Amino acid sequence: MNTIELSCTRARFVYGASIEFSSYETPHNSNIIRGLPGKLVEIPDVIVPQISHDVAPFCRITVPDYFPPGSILIFEVEVQNLEEELDTFCTSDANKAFGNLDLVDLNVVLYRADGEERDATSGVIGVYDVPGFAKLTYCGLEGWMHPLRHIMKSNDLGHPLCENFRQGLWALDYIYSRLQTWVVICLFVSGVAHI
C-alpha cells in the first residue's frame, strides 16, 4: 500500500480515474489514426484522514491497491497558515548557528560577491551558475534567496533552479565545499598567525 503524508496540509479527494483497454490491437487504417479502444473507469472516493501530531498535523493519502499506469487521483489541498510558525522555526536556532561568527565570517556565509570569492580562493570558487537561468548574485546563502523567493511566491516548480535540484546534489555540494574551503583557509591563517 502506497501512502503519502503531507505535513500541515488538509486534502480533499476530488476525482480519480483509470483507463481500461478492451484490446491492444489497433485497427489499420491508412487515412485515420485511432487510439486504443478503451474506457474511463472512475476510482471510488479516497478517504484522506487528518492526523494530529505533536510536531505538526498532517494528512495521509493512500493510493488504492488497483492503480494501473496512466491512472490519476486529483486532490484539493490547502496548506494550513504556517507563515509565522515557519518564520519562527527557520530563525529559531539562528543565534546558535551564527552567534560566534564575526562580521567577516557572516559576510562569507551570507553574501560574498564573485570577485571577493575568487580573490579569497585563488580563483577556484565563484558564484554558483544555475544552468538555464543565470549566475547567482552572491556566493553565500543570500544568493540563493532571490530565485527561491520567486519560486516560493509563484510556486514555480519549473524554475531552472528547481530543475537543478532535481538533477543532482551540485547545489548542496557547492554550498558545503565553499564553506569547507573557508574553514580550511581560516585554520591555515590562524595556524600561520600562531607560528
Protein backbone atom coordinates (compact mmCIF):
# COMPACT_ATOMS: atom_id res chain seq x y z
CA MET A 1 0.00 0.00 0.00
CA ASN A 2 1.49 3.33 -1.09
CA THR A 3 0.89 6.28 1.24
CA ILE A 4 1.90 9.91 1.08
CA GLU A 5 1.93 12.16 4.15
CA LEU A 6 1.56 15.91 3.68
CA SER A 7 2.60 17.87 6.73
CA CYS A 8 0.46 20.84 7.82
CA THR A 9 -1.90 20.20 4.93
CA ARG A 10 -5.58 19.44 4.53
CA ALA A 11 -6.59 17.44 1.47
CA ARG A 12 -9.94 16.52 -0.05
CA PHE A 13 -10.42 13.91 -2.76
CA VAL A 14 -11.87 15.44 -5.94
CA TYR A 15 -11.66 12.79 -8.65
CA GLY A 16 -9.85 9.62 -9.65
CA ALA A 17 -9.87 7.52 -12.78
CA SER A 18 -8.03 4.85 -14.68
CA ILE A 19 -8.37 3.66 -18.22
CA GLU A 20 -9.15 0.09 -19.24
CA PHE A 21 -8.38 -1.13 -22.73
CA SER A 22 -10.55 -3.80 -24.34
CA SER A 23 -7.80 -4.57 -26.85
CA TYR A 24 -4.22 -3.59 -27.50
CA GLU A 25 -4.52 -4.06 -31.23
CA THR A 26 -5.17 -1.01 -33.35
CA PRO A 27 -7.29 -1.33 -36.48
CA HIS A 28 -5.22 -0.47 -39.54
CA ASN A 29 -6.49 2.50 -41.50
CA SER A 30 -4.09 4.48 -43.67
CA ASN A 31 -6.37 7.58 -43.61
CA ILE A 32 -7.23 7.83 -39.89
CA ILE A 33 -5.09 7.49 -36.79
CA ARG A 34 -7.04 5.88 -33.97
CA GLY A 35 -6.01 5.23 -30.41
CA LEU A 36 -6.53 2.03 -28.50
CA PRO A 37 -10.17 1.21 -27.71
CA GLY A 38 -10.66 1.89 -24.02
CA LYS A 39 -12.99 3.24 -21.41
CA LEU A 40 -12.57 5.50 -18.40
CA VAL A 41 -13.20 3.82 -15.06
CA GLU A 42 -13.74 6.08 -12.06
CA ILE A 43 -11.81 5.32 -8.88
CA PRO A 44 -14.02 5.33 -5.76
CA ASP A 45 -13.57 8.12 -3.21
CA VAL A 46 -10.25 8.07 -1.40
CA ILE A 47 -10.61 8.89 2.29
CA VAL A 48 -7.96 11.34 3.49
CA PRO A 49 -7.61 11.22 7.27
CA GLN A 50 -6.39 14.35 9.07
CA ILE A 51 -3.96 13.30 11.79
CA SER A 52 -2.98 15.39 14.79
CA HIS A 53 0.64 15.13 15.81
CA ASP A 54 2.83 16.80 18.44
CA VAL A 55 5.16 18.29 15.82
CA ALA A 56 2.63 19.25 13.16
CA PRO A 57 -0.73 17.91 11.96
CA PHE A 58 -0.73 16.11 8.64
CA CYS A 59 -2.96 14.27 6.22
CA ARG A 60 -2.31 10.80 4.84
CA ILE A 61 -3.22 9.97 1.25
CA THR A 62 -3.35 6.25 0.49
CA VAL A 63 -3.14 5.24 -3.15
CA PRO A 64 -5.62 2.43 -3.93
CA ASP A 65 -4.29 -1.09 -4.49
CA TYR A 66 -5.63 -1.04 -8.03
CA PHE A 67 -3.85 1.91 -9.63
CA PRO A 68 -2.52 0.90 -13.07
CA PRO A 69 -0.14 3.12 -15.09
CA GLY A 70 -2.00 6.09 -16.56
CA SER A 71 -4.36 6.39 -13.59
CA ILE A 72 -4.92 9.74 -11.90
CA LEU A 73 -6.01 10.99 -8.50
CA ILE A 74 -6.94 14.65 -8.03
CA PHE A 75 -6.97 16.26 -4.60
CA GLU A 76 -7.79 19.76 -3.44
CA VAL A 77 -5.13 20.68 -0.91
CA GLU A 78 -4.79 23.56 1.50
CA VAL A 79 -1.61 24.29 3.37
CA GLN A 80 -2.52 25.47 6.82
CA ASN A 81 -1.41 29.01 7.64
CA LEU A 82 2.11 28.49 8.88
CA GLU A 83 3.89 31.66 7.85
CA GLU A 84 4.55 32.79 11.41
CA GLU A 85 5.37 29.28 12.57
CA LEU A 86 7.68 28.74 9.59
CA ASP A 87 9.47 32.04 10.17
CA THR A 88 9.86 31.19 13.84
CA PHE A 89 11.12 27.71 13.00
CA CYS A 90 13.61 28.97 10.39
CA THR A 91 15.06 31.59 12.71
CA SER A 92 14.80 29.63 15.98
CA ASP A 93 18.43 28.50 16.06
CA ALA A 94 19.94 31.36 14.06
CA ASN A 95 21.79 32.69 17.09
CA LYS A 96 23.11 29.22 17.84
CA ALA A 97 24.30 28.79 14.24
CA PHE A 98 25.69 32.27 13.66
CA GLY A 99 26.25 33.68 17.17
CA ASN A 100 30.01 33.06 17.23
CA LEU A 101 30.67 34.48 13.77
CA ASP A 102 32.22 37.90 13.34
CA LEU A 103 31.20 40.29 10.55
CA VAL A 104 33.76 38.89 8.09
CA ASP A 105 32.51 35.34 8.70
CA LEU A 106 28.88 36.47 8.29
CA ASN A 107 29.80 38.14 5.01
CA VAL A 108 31.29 34.84 3.80
CA VAL A 109 28.29 32.76 4.90
CA LEU A 110 25.58 35.13 3.67
CA TYR A 111 26.95 37.24 0.85
CA ARG A 112 30.40 37.46 -0.75
CA ALA A 113 30.45 38.75 -4.33
CA ASP A 114 32.05 36.75 -7.14
CA GLY A 115 35.25 38.84 -7.22
CA GLU A 116 35.73 38.61 -3.45
CA GLU A 117 35.25 34.85 -3.53
CA ARG A 118 37.68 34.36 -6.38
CA ASP A 119 40.29 36.51 -4.60
CA ALA A 120 39.93 34.53 -1.38
CA THR A 121 40.11 31.13 -3.11
CA SER A 122 42.74 31.93 -5.77
CA GLY A 123 40.06 31.79 -8.45
CA VAL A 124 38.89 28.28 -7.55
CA ILE A 125 35.35 29.20 -6.40
CA GLY A 126 32.97 31.79 -7.83
CA VAL A 127 29.23 32.31 -7.69
CA TYR A 128 27.03 29.32 -8.49
CA ASP A 129 25.85 29.16 -12.09
CA VAL A 130 22.31 27.78 -12.43
CA PRO A 131 22.05 26.14 -15.88
CA GLY A 132 19.32 27.74 -17.96
CA PHE A 133 18.96 30.66 -15.55
CA ALA A 134 21.98 32.76 -14.57
CA LYS A 135 24.80 33.07 -12.12
CA LEU A 136 23.63 33.86 -8.60
CA THR A 137 24.24 37.39 -7.31
CA TYR A 138 26.13 36.23 -4.22
CA CYS A 139 28.14 33.13 -3.36
CA GLY A 140 26.61 32.95 0.13
CA LEU A 141 23.17 31.86 1.25
CA GLU A 142 21.56 35.18 0.31
CA GLY A 143 22.49 34.49 -3.32
CA TRP A 144 20.06 31.58 -3.31
CA MET A 145 17.24 33.67 -1.83
CA HIS A 146 16.46 35.78 -4.91
CA PRO A 147 15.42 32.82 -7.09
CA LEU A 148 13.94 30.95 -4.11
CA ARG A 149 11.68 33.89 -3.21
CA HIS A 150 10.32 33.89 -6.76
CA ILE A 151 9.84 30.10 -6.68
CA MET A 152 8.01 30.22 -3.32
CA LYS A 153 5.85 33.22 -4.24
CA SER A 154 4.64 31.80 -7.56
CA ASN A 155 5.05 28.07 -6.77
CA ASP A 156 7.20 27.86 -9.91
CA LEU A 157 8.49 24.29 -9.67
CA GLY A 158 9.51 24.50 -13.34
CA HIS A 159 12.14 27.12 -12.48
CA PRO A 160 15.66 26.21 -13.66
CA LEU A 161 16.88 26.17 -10.03
CA CYS A 162 14.27 23.50 -9.15
CA GLU A 163 15.36 21.50 -12.17
CA ASN A 164 18.96 21.81 -10.99
CA PHE A 165 17.91 20.47 -7.57
CA ARG A 166 16.10 17.55 -9.23
CA GLN A 167 19.08 16.67 -11.42
CA GLY A 168 21.58 16.18 -8.61
CA LEU A 169 23.28 17.44 -5.48
CA TRP A 170 25.51 20.04 -7.15
CA ALA A 171 23.94 22.99 -5.33
CA LEU A 172 24.35 21.34 -1.91
CA ASP A 173 27.87 20.22 -2.80
CA TYR A 174 28.70 23.80 -3.81
CA ILE A 175 27.42 25.24 -0.50
CA TYR A 176 29.23 22.59 1.55
CA SER A 177 32.55 22.71 -0.32
CA ARG A 178 32.56 26.51 -0.34
CA LEU A 179 32.10 26.75 3.45
CA GLN A 180 34.55 23.87 3.98
CA THR A 181 37.14 25.77 1.93
CA TRP A 182 36.56 28.84 4.12
CA VAL A 183 37.10 26.78 7.28
CA VAL A 184 40.39 25.42 5.87
CA ILE A 185 41.52 28.94 4.94
CA CYS A 186 40.66 30.20 8.45
CA LEU A 187 42.52 27.32 10.09
CA PHE A 188 45.53 27.90 7.87
CA VAL A 189 45.58 31.64 8.56
CA SER A 190 45.16 31.15 12.31
CA GLY A 191 47.92 28.49 12.26
CA VAL A 192 50.27 30.85 10.43
CA ALA A 193 49.41 33.64 12.88
CA HIS A 194 50.39 31.43 15.82
CA ILE A 195 53.78 30.48 14.36
